[in-house]
């Protein structure tokens, strides 16, 4: 690439400066993102187990907030969890437990839990948007892509890119990826299983949990 830049410099100096500045800026952003990610990974994580009407749950957290919430055996289970993470009682685990108790009782929790998910800048933007989808409502991948594109001055953002970020969400339920549906209203993939996704949406709309329907389909 350096040779190409040099050739461009000889023929079109203005082109070289523009591309060079953009490349340098992109490199600075990438290096900064890598540094931030490494800093986050240096924070020790701890785990805690909870039960729920839809199956056992694993919680993970660091000193900043909750870093993970997975149903036992789900896709991407404990993906962002460090192998050396051990059990420890933390205030954030007590907060999360209370939040889940309220939620599974069919009510919208009136308080928040500090969250600290690990992901790329794009994934973080998608996860932040998921938290704006109101309780009991849904949004399509395409709708989210259009909103994010408009907010970031982009001409286009694919629904597939949004779907990839949604699928990597490490904090189920509290970052409500279950509220994202297909363009035709279908319940598309959910790491915890389509049955659980259906049960969570039903819970928010009707205030009841249908565990019998959800758990047998959890592996879908």
C-alpha atoms as a PDB file:
ATOM      1  CA  UNK A   1       0.000   0.000   0.000  1.00  0.00           C
ATOM      2  CA  UNK A   2       2.937   2.268   0.688  1.00  0.00           C
ATOM      3  CA  UNK A   3       4.090   1.873  -2.921  1.00  0.00           C
ATOM      4  CA  UNK A   4       0.681   2.814  -4.239  1.00  0.00           C
ATOM      5  CA  UNK A   5       0.602   5.884  -2.034  1.00  0.00           C
ATOM      6  CA  UNK A   6       3.983   6.940  -3.320  1.00  0.00           C
ATOM      7  CA  UNK A   7       2.887   6.588  -6.959  1.00  0.00           C
ATOM      8  CA  UNK A   8      -0.188   8.630  -6.239  1.00  0.00           C
ATOM      9  CA  UNK A   9       1.983  11.273  -4.630  1.00  0.00           C
ATOM     10  CA  UNK A  10       4.056  11.677  -7.758  1.00  0.00           C
ATOM     11  CA  UNK A  11       1.084  11.936 -10.106  1.00  0.00           C
ATOM     12  CA  UNK A  12      -1.614  13.566  -7.924  1.00  0.00           C
ATOM     13  CA  UNK A  13      -0.314  15.193  -4.723  1.00  0.00           C
ATOM     14  CA  UNK A  14      -3.771  16.381  -3.672  1.00  0.00           C
ATOM     15  CA  UNK A  15      -5.133  12.843  -3.903  1.00  0.00           C
ATOM     16  CA  UNK A  16      -2.270  11.608  -1.749  1.00  0.00           C
ATOM     17  CA  UNK A  17      -2.953  14.068   1.030  1.00  0.00           C
ATOM     18  CA  UNK A  18      -6.657  13.317   1.142  1.00  0.00           C
ATOM     19  CA  UNK A  19      -6.251   9.581   1.217  1.00  0.00           C
ATOM     20  CA  UNK A  20      -3.299   9.725   3.566  1.00  0.00           C
ATOM     21  CA  UNK A  21      -5.156  11.824   6.102  1.00  0.00           C
ATOM     22  CA  UNK A  22      -8.193   9.564   5.927  1.00  0.00           C
ATOM     23  CA  UNK A  23      -6.055   6.448   6.300  1.00  0.00           C
ATOM     24  CA  UNK A  24      -4.202   7.901   9.264  1.00  0.00           C
ATOM     25  CA  UNK A  25      -7.450   8.919  10.925  1.00  0.00           C
ATOM     26  CA  UNK A  26      -8.893   5.443  10.360  1.00  0.00           C
ATOM     27  CA  UNK A  27      -5.759   3.903  11.855  1.00  0.00           C
ATOM     28  CA  UNK A  28      -5.991   6.172  14.899  1.00  0.00           C
ATOM     29  CA  UNK A  29      -9.611   5.173  15.447  1.00  0.00           C
ATOM     30  CA  UNK A  30      -8.742   1.489  15.063  1.00  0.00           C
ATOM     31  CA  UNK A  31      -5.783   1.731  17.436  1.00  0.00           C
ATOM     32  CA  UNK A  32      -7.891   3.621  19.969  1.00  0.00           C
ATOM     33  CA  UNK A  33     -10.631   1.013  19.776  1.00  0.00           C
ATOM     34  CA  UNK A  34      -8.078  -1.754  20.258  1.00  0.00           C
ATOM     35  CA  UNK A  35      -6.595   0.033  23.255  1.00  0.00           C
ATOM     36  CA  UNK A  36     -10.030   0.487  24.804  1.00  0.00           C
ATOM     37  CA  UNK A  37     -10.849  -3.167  24.235  1.00  0.00           C
ATOM     38  CA  UNK A  38      -7.603  -4.291  25.816  1.00  0.00           C
ATOM     39  CA  UNK A  39      -8.237  -2.060  28.816  1.00  0.00           C
ATOM     40  CA  UNK A  40     -11.701  -3.557  29.275  1.00  0.00           C
ATOM     41  CA  UNK A  41     -10.309  -7.081  29.048  1.00  0.00           C
ATOM     42  CA  UNK A  42      -7.850  -6.314  31.828  1.00  0.00           C
ATOM     43  CA  UNK A  43     -10.748  -5.890  34.277  1.00  0.00           C
ATOM     44  CA  UNK A  44     -11.412  -9.109  36.236  1.00  0.00           C
ATOM     45  CA  UNK A  45     -14.830 -10.656  35.770  1.00  0.00           C
ATOM     46  CA  UNK A  46     -16.893 -12.630  38.233  1.00  0.00           C
ATOM     47  CA  UNK A  47     -19.895 -14.901  37.789  1.00  0.00           C
ATOM     48  CA  UNK A  48     -23.135 -15.719  39.543  1.00  0.00           C
ATOM     49  CA  UNK A  49     -25.854 -18.281  38.807  1.00  0.00           C
ATOM     50  CA  UNK A  50     -29.583 -17.627  38.971  1.00  0.00           C
ATOM     51  CA  UNK A  51     -32.706 -19.578  38.095  1.00  0.00           C
ATOM     52  CA  UNK A  52     -35.621 -18.246  36.064  1.00  0.00           C
ATOM     53  CA  UNK A  53     -38.955 -19.518  34.729  1.00  0.00           C
ATOM     54  CA  UNK A  54     -37.245 -19.988  31.355  1.00  0.00           C
ATOM     55  CA  UNK A  55     -34.205 -21.872  32.595  1.00  0.00           C
ATOM     56  CA  UNK A  56     -30.994 -21.354  34.525  1.00  0.00           C
ATOM     57  CA  UNK A  57     -29.076 -18.129  33.917  1.00  0.00           C
ATOM     58  CA  UNK A  58     -25.384 -17.275  34.158  1.00  0.00           C
ATOM     59  CA  UNK A  59     -24.519 -13.686  35.091  1.00  0.00           C
ATOM     60  CA  UNK A  60     -21.093 -12.095  34.636  1.00  0.00           C
ATOM     61  CA  UNK A  61     -19.831  -8.705  35.792  1.00  0.00           C
ATOM     62  CA  UNK A  62     -16.739  -6.602  36.354  1.00  0.00           C
ATOM     63  CA  UNK A  63     -16.225  -3.554  38.564  1.00  0.00           C
ATOM     64  CA  UNK A  64     -18.106  -1.360  36.070  1.00  0.00           C
ATOM     65  CA  UNK A  65     -21.273  -3.362  35.540  1.00  0.00           C
ATOM     66  CA  UNK A  66     -22.914  -6.471  34.158  1.00  0.00           C
ATOM     67  CA  UNK A  67     -20.925  -7.948  31.274  1.00  0.00           C
ATOM     68  CA  UNK A  68     -23.021 -10.979  30.459  1.00  0.00           C
ATOM     69  CA  UNK A  69     -26.354 -12.722  30.927  1.00  0.00           C
ATOM     70  CA  UNK A  70     -26.834 -16.058  29.204  1.00  0.00           C
ATOM     71  CA  UNK A  71     -29.328 -18.881  29.434  1.00  0.00           C
ATOM     72  CA  UNK A  72     -27.531 -22.152  30.178  1.00  0.00           C
ATOM     73  CA  UNK A  73     -26.567 -23.874  26.940  1.00  0.00           C
ATOM     74  CA  UNK A  74     -27.606 -21.093  24.589  1.00  0.00           C
ATOM     75  CA  UNK A  75     -25.693 -20.110  21.463  1.00  0.00           C
ATOM     76  CA  UNK A  76     -22.578 -18.015  22.223  1.00  0.00           C
ATOM     77  CA  UNK A  77     -22.825 -19.100  25.862  1.00  0.00           C
ATOM     78  CA  UNK A  78     -20.307 -17.201  28.022  1.00  0.00           C
ATOM     79  CA  UNK A  79     -18.553 -15.979  24.852  1.00  0.00           C
ATOM     80  CA  UNK A  80     -17.079 -12.858  26.480  1.00  0.00           C
ATOM     81  CA  UNK A  81     -16.324 -14.510  29.805  1.00  0.00           C
ATOM     82  CA  UNK A  82     -12.718 -15.064  30.872  1.00  0.00           C
ATOM     83  CA  UNK A  83     -11.802 -18.701  31.667  1.00  0.00           C
ATOM     84  CA  UNK A  84     -10.419 -17.720  35.074  1.00  0.00           C
ATOM     85  CA  UNK A  85     -13.617 -15.948  36.201  1.00  0.00           C
ATOM     86  CA  UNK A  86     -14.824 -17.138  39.585  1.00  0.00           C
ATOM     87  CA  UNK A  87     -17.912 -16.837  41.750  1.00  0.00           C
ATOM     88  CA  UNK A  88     -18.279 -13.708  43.877  1.00  0.00           C
ATOM     89  CA  UNK A  89     -21.155 -11.789  45.412  1.00  0.00           C
ATOM     90  CA  UNK A  90     -21.338  -8.310  43.895  1.00  0.00           C
ATOM     91  CA  UNK A  91     -23.925  -5.528  44.344  1.00  0.00           C
ATOM     92  CA  UNK A  92     -24.640  -5.617  40.591  1.00  0.00           C
ATOM     93  CA  UNK A  93     -25.645  -9.281  40.857  1.00  0.00           C
ATOM     94  CA  UNK A  94     -28.168  -8.418  43.583  1.00  0.00           C
ATOM     95  CA  UNK A  95     -29.509  -5.606  41.400  1.00  0.00           C
ATOM     96  CA  UNK A  96     -29.787  -7.917  38.404  1.00  0.00           C
ATOM     97  CA  UNK A  97     -31.546 -10.581  40.474  1.00  0.00           C
ATOM     98  CA  UNK A  98     -34.113  -8.048  41.693  1.00  0.00           C
ATOM     99  CA  UNK A  99     -34.581  -6.718  38.153  1.00  0.00           C
ATOM    100  CA  UNK A 100     -35.230 -10.233  36.842  1.00  0.00           C
ATOM    101  CA  UNK A 101     -37.683 -10.990  39.658  1.00  0.00           C
ATOM    102  CA  UNK A 102     -39.706  -7.902  38.745  1.00  0.00           C
ATOM    103  CA  UNK A 103     -39.476  -8.654  35.042  1.00  0.00           C
ATOM    104  CA  UNK A 104     -40.570 -12.284  35.284  1.00  0.00           C
ATOM    105  CA  UNK A 105     -43.457 -11.206  37.514  1.00  0.00           C
ATOM    106  CA  UNK A 106     -44.861  -9.542  34.386  1.00  0.00           C
ATOM    107  CA  UNK A 107     -43.915  -5.968  35.207  1.00  0.00           C
ATOM    108  CA  UNK A 108     -41.576  -3.492  33.580  1.00  0.00           C
ATOM    109  CA  UNK A 109     -38.740  -2.757  36.032  1.00  0.00           C
ATOM    110  CA  UNK A 110     -38.672   0.918  37.024  1.00  0.00           C
ATOM    111  CA  UNK A 111     -34.933   0.885  37.657  1.00  0.00           C
ATOM    112  CA  UNK A 112     -31.843   0.040  35.635  1.00  0.00           C
ATOM    113  CA  UNK A 113     -28.826  -2.176  36.224  1.00  0.00           C
ATOM    114  CA  UNK A 114     -25.329  -0.896  35.344  1.00  0.00           C
ATOM    115  CA  UNK A 115     -24.193  -2.635  32.169  1.00  0.00           C
ATOM    116  CA  UNK A 116     -20.726  -3.039  30.659  1.00  0.00           C
ATOM    117  CA  UNK A 117     -20.963  -5.219  27.539  1.00  0.00           C
ATOM    118  CA  UNK A 118     -17.782  -5.824  25.550  1.00  0.00           C
ATOM    119  CA  UNK A 119     -17.954  -5.299  21.794  1.00  0.00           C
ATOM    120  CA  UNK A 120     -16.933  -3.198  18.838  1.00  0.00           C
ATOM    121  CA  UNK A 121     -18.041   0.413  18.460  1.00  0.00           C
ATOM    122  CA  UNK A 122     -20.688  -0.649  15.929  1.00  0.00           C
ATOM    123  CA  UNK A 123     -21.996  -3.416  18.156  1.00  0.00           C
ATOM    124  CA  UNK A 124     -22.217  -0.948  21.054  1.00  0.00           C
ATOM    125  CA  UNK A 125     -24.316   1.440  18.934  1.00  0.00           C
ATOM    126  CA  UNK A 126     -26.694  -1.372  18.009  1.00  0.00           C
ATOM    127  CA  UNK A 127     -26.957  -2.574  21.620  1.00  0.00           C
ATOM    128  CA  UNK A 128     -27.607   0.992  22.806  1.00  0.00           C
ATOM    129  CA  UNK A 129     -30.435   1.237  20.289  1.00  0.00           C
ATOM    130  CA  UNK A 130     -31.948  -2.048  21.481  1.00  0.00           C
ATOM    131  CA  UNK A 131     -32.323  -0.529  24.929  1.00  0.00           C
ATOM    132  CA  UNK A 132     -34.534   2.219  23.461  1.00  0.00           C
ATOM    133  CA  UNK A 133     -37.131  -0.256  22.141  1.00  0.00           C
ATOM    134  CA  UNK A 134     -40.034   0.139  24.578  1.00  0.00           C
ATOM    135  CA  UNK A 135     -41.131  -2.715  26.821  1.00  0.00           C
ATOM    136  CA  UNK A 136     -43.776  -4.789  25.045  1.00  0.00           C
ATOM    137  CA  UNK A 137     -42.861  -3.424  21.602  1.00  0.00           C
ATOM    138  CA  UNK A 138     -40.743  -4.696  18.717  1.00  0.00           C
ATOM    139  CA  UNK A 139     -38.594  -3.308  15.903  1.00  0.00           C
ATOM    140  CA  UNK A 140     -37.345  -4.910  12.706  1.00  0.00           C
ATOM    141  CA  UNK A 141     -33.723  -5.248  11.688  1.00  0.00           C
ATOM    142  CA  UNK A 142     -34.428  -2.953   8.731  1.00  0.00           C
ATOM    143  CA  UNK A 143     -35.965  -0.262  10.919  1.00  0.00           C
ATOM    144  CA  UNK A 144     -32.958  -0.304  13.219  1.00  0.00           C
ATOM    145  CA  UNK A 145     -30.580  -0.120  10.240  1.00  0.00           C
ATOM    146  CA  UNK A 146     -32.373   2.920   8.820  1.00  0.00           C
ATOM    147  CA  UNK A 147     -32.381   4.732  12.150  1.00  0.00           C
ATOM    148  CA  UNK A 148     -28.704   4.070  12.816  1.00  0.00           C
ATOM    149  CA  UNK A 149     -27.766   5.082   9.272  1.00  0.00           C
ATOM    150  CA  UNK A 150     -29.613   8.377   9.663  1.00  0.00           C
ATOM    151  CA  UNK A 151     -28.117   9.066  13.085  1.00  0.00           C
ATOM    152  CA  UNK A 152     -24.578   8.434  11.805  1.00  0.00           C
ATOM    153  CA  UNK A 153     -24.887  10.220   8.458  1.00  0.00           C
ATOM    154  CA  UNK A 154     -24.668   7.046   6.383  1.00  0.00           C
ATOM    155  CA  UNK A 155     -26.379   6.578   3.040  1.00  0.00           C
ATOM    156  CA  UNK A 156     -27.112   2.941   3.834  1.00  0.00           C
ATOM    157  CA  UNK A 157     -26.657   0.342   6.530  1.00  0.00           C
ATOM    158  CA  UNK A 158     -27.620  -3.254   5.878  1.00  0.00           C
ATOM    159  CA  UNK A 159     -30.113  -5.096   8.024  1.00  0.00           C
ATOM    160  CA  UNK A 160     -27.682  -8.036   7.914  1.00  0.00           C
ATOM    161  CA  UNK A 161     -24.990  -5.973   9.656  1.00  0.00           C
ATOM    162  CA  UNK A 162     -27.481  -5.062  12.364  1.00  0.00           C
ATOM    163  CA  UNK A 163     -28.493  -8.703  12.668  1.00  0.00           C
ATOM    164  CA  UNK A 164     -24.879  -9.712  13.190  1.00  0.00           C
ATOM    165  CA  UNK A 165     -24.516  -7.249  16.063  1.00  0.00           C
ATOM    166  CA  UNK A 166     -27.849  -8.252  17.582  1.00  0.00           C
ATOM    167  CA  UNK A 167     -26.769 -11.890  17.522  1.00  0.00           C
ATOM    168  CA  UNK A 168     -23.580 -11.035  19.443  1.00  0.00           C
ATOM    169  CA  UNK A 169     -25.405  -9.316  22.288  1.00  0.00           C
ATOM    170  CA  UNK A 170     -23.848 -10.731  25.486  1.00  0.00           C
ATOM    171  CA  UNK A 171     -26.525  -9.475  27.909  1.00  0.00           C
ATOM    172  CA  UNK A 172     -29.854 -11.124  27.146  1.00  0.00           C
ATOM    173  CA  UNK A 173     -33.148  -9.630  28.359  1.00  0.00           C
ATOM    174  CA  UNK A 174     -31.647  -6.445  29.855  1.00  0.00           C
ATOM    175  CA  UNK A 175     -30.381  -5.545  26.385  1.00  0.00           C
ATOM    176  CA  UNK A 176     -33.629  -6.710  24.769  1.00  0.00           C
ATOM    177  CA  UNK A 177     -32.544  -8.339  21.520  1.00  0.00           C
ATOM    178  CA  UNK A 178     -35.674 -10.497  21.816  1.00  0.00           C
ATOM    179  CA  UNK A 179     -37.646  -7.416  20.699  1.00  0.00           C
ATOM    180  CA  UNK A 180     -36.080  -7.500  17.235  1.00  0.00           C
ATOM    181  CA  UNK A 181     -38.124  -9.319  14.594  1.00  0.00           C
ATOM    182  CA  UNK A 182     -38.044  -9.970  10.861  1.00  0.00           C
ATOM    183  CA  UNK A 183     -39.509  -7.584   8.291  1.00  0.00           C
ATOM    184  CA  UNK A 184     -42.563  -9.850   7.929  1.00  0.00           C
ATOM    185  CA  UNK A 185     -43.101  -9.998  11.689  1.00  0.00           C
ATOM    186  CA  UNK A 186     -41.552 -13.441  12.047  1.00  0.00           C
ATOM    187  CA  UNK A 187     -39.567 -14.405  15.125  1.00  0.00           C
ATOM    188  CA  UNK A 188     -36.142 -14.784  13.570  1.00  0.00           C
ATOM    189  CA  UNK A 189     -33.103 -16.294  15.294  1.00  0.00           C
ATOM    190  CA  UNK A 190     -32.504 -15.802  18.999  1.00  0.00           C
ATOM    191  CA  UNK A 191     -29.451 -17.143  20.823  1.00  0.00           C
ATOM    192  CA  UNK A 192     -31.602 -18.403  23.674  1.00  0.00           C
ATOM    193  CA  UNK A 193     -33.987 -20.214  21.309  1.00  0.00           C
ATOM    194  CA  UNK A 194     -37.107 -19.142  19.425  1.00  0.00           C
ATOM    195  CA  UNK A 195     -39.300 -20.598  22.176  1.00  0.00           C
ATOM    196  CA  UNK A 196     -37.746 -18.307  24.775  1.00  0.00           C
ATOM    197  CA  UNK A 197     -38.015 -15.334  22.435  1.00  0.00           C
ATOM    198  CA  UNK A 198     -41.727 -15.992  21.997  1.00  0.00           C
ATOM    199  CA  UNK A 199     -42.156 -16.443  25.742  1.00  0.00           C
ATOM    200  CA  UNK A 200     -40.390 -13.146  26.541  1.00  0.00           C
ATOM    201  CA  UNK A 201     -42.545 -11.199  24.077  1.00  0.00           C
ATOM    202  CA  UNK A 202     -45.689 -12.861  25.444  1.00  0.00           C
ATOM    203  CA  UNK A 203     -44.609 -12.038  28.990  1.00  0.00           C
ATOM    204  CA  UNK A 204     -44.235  -8.356  28.132  1.00  0.00           C
ATOM    205  CA  UNK A 205     -47.589  -8.201  26.367  1.00  0.00           C
ATOM    206  CA  UNK A 206     -49.702 -10.438  28.593  1.00  0.00           C
ATOM    207  CA  UNK A 207     -47.836 -10.563  31.903  1.00  0.00           C
ATOM    208  CA  UNK A 208     -47.499 -14.352  32.014  1.00  0.00           C
ATOM    209  CA  UNK A 209     -44.651 -16.790  31.332  1.00  0.00           C
ATOM    210  CA  UNK A 210     -45.343 -19.893  29.262  1.00  0.00           C
ATOM    211  CA  UNK A 211     -42.299 -21.921  30.277  1.00  0.00           C
ATOM    212  CA  UNK A 212     -43.733 -25.180  28.931  1.00  0.00           C
ATOM    213  CA  UNK A 213     -43.819 -23.722  25.445  1.00  0.00           C
ATOM    214  CA  UNK A 214     -40.460 -21.990  25.674  1.00  0.00           C
ATOM    215  CA  UNK A 215     -37.950 -24.430  27.138  1.00  0.00           C
ATOM    216  CA  UNK A 216     -38.509 -27.417  24.766  1.00  0.00           C
ATOM    217  CA  UNK A 217     -37.735 -25.066  21.857  1.00  0.00           C
ATOM    218  CA  UNK A 218     -34.758 -23.369  23.518  1.00  0.00           C
ATOM    219  CA  UNK A 219     -32.234 -25.197  21.362  1.00  0.00           C
ATOM    220  CA  UNK A 220     -33.663 -23.950  18.046  1.00  0.00           C
END
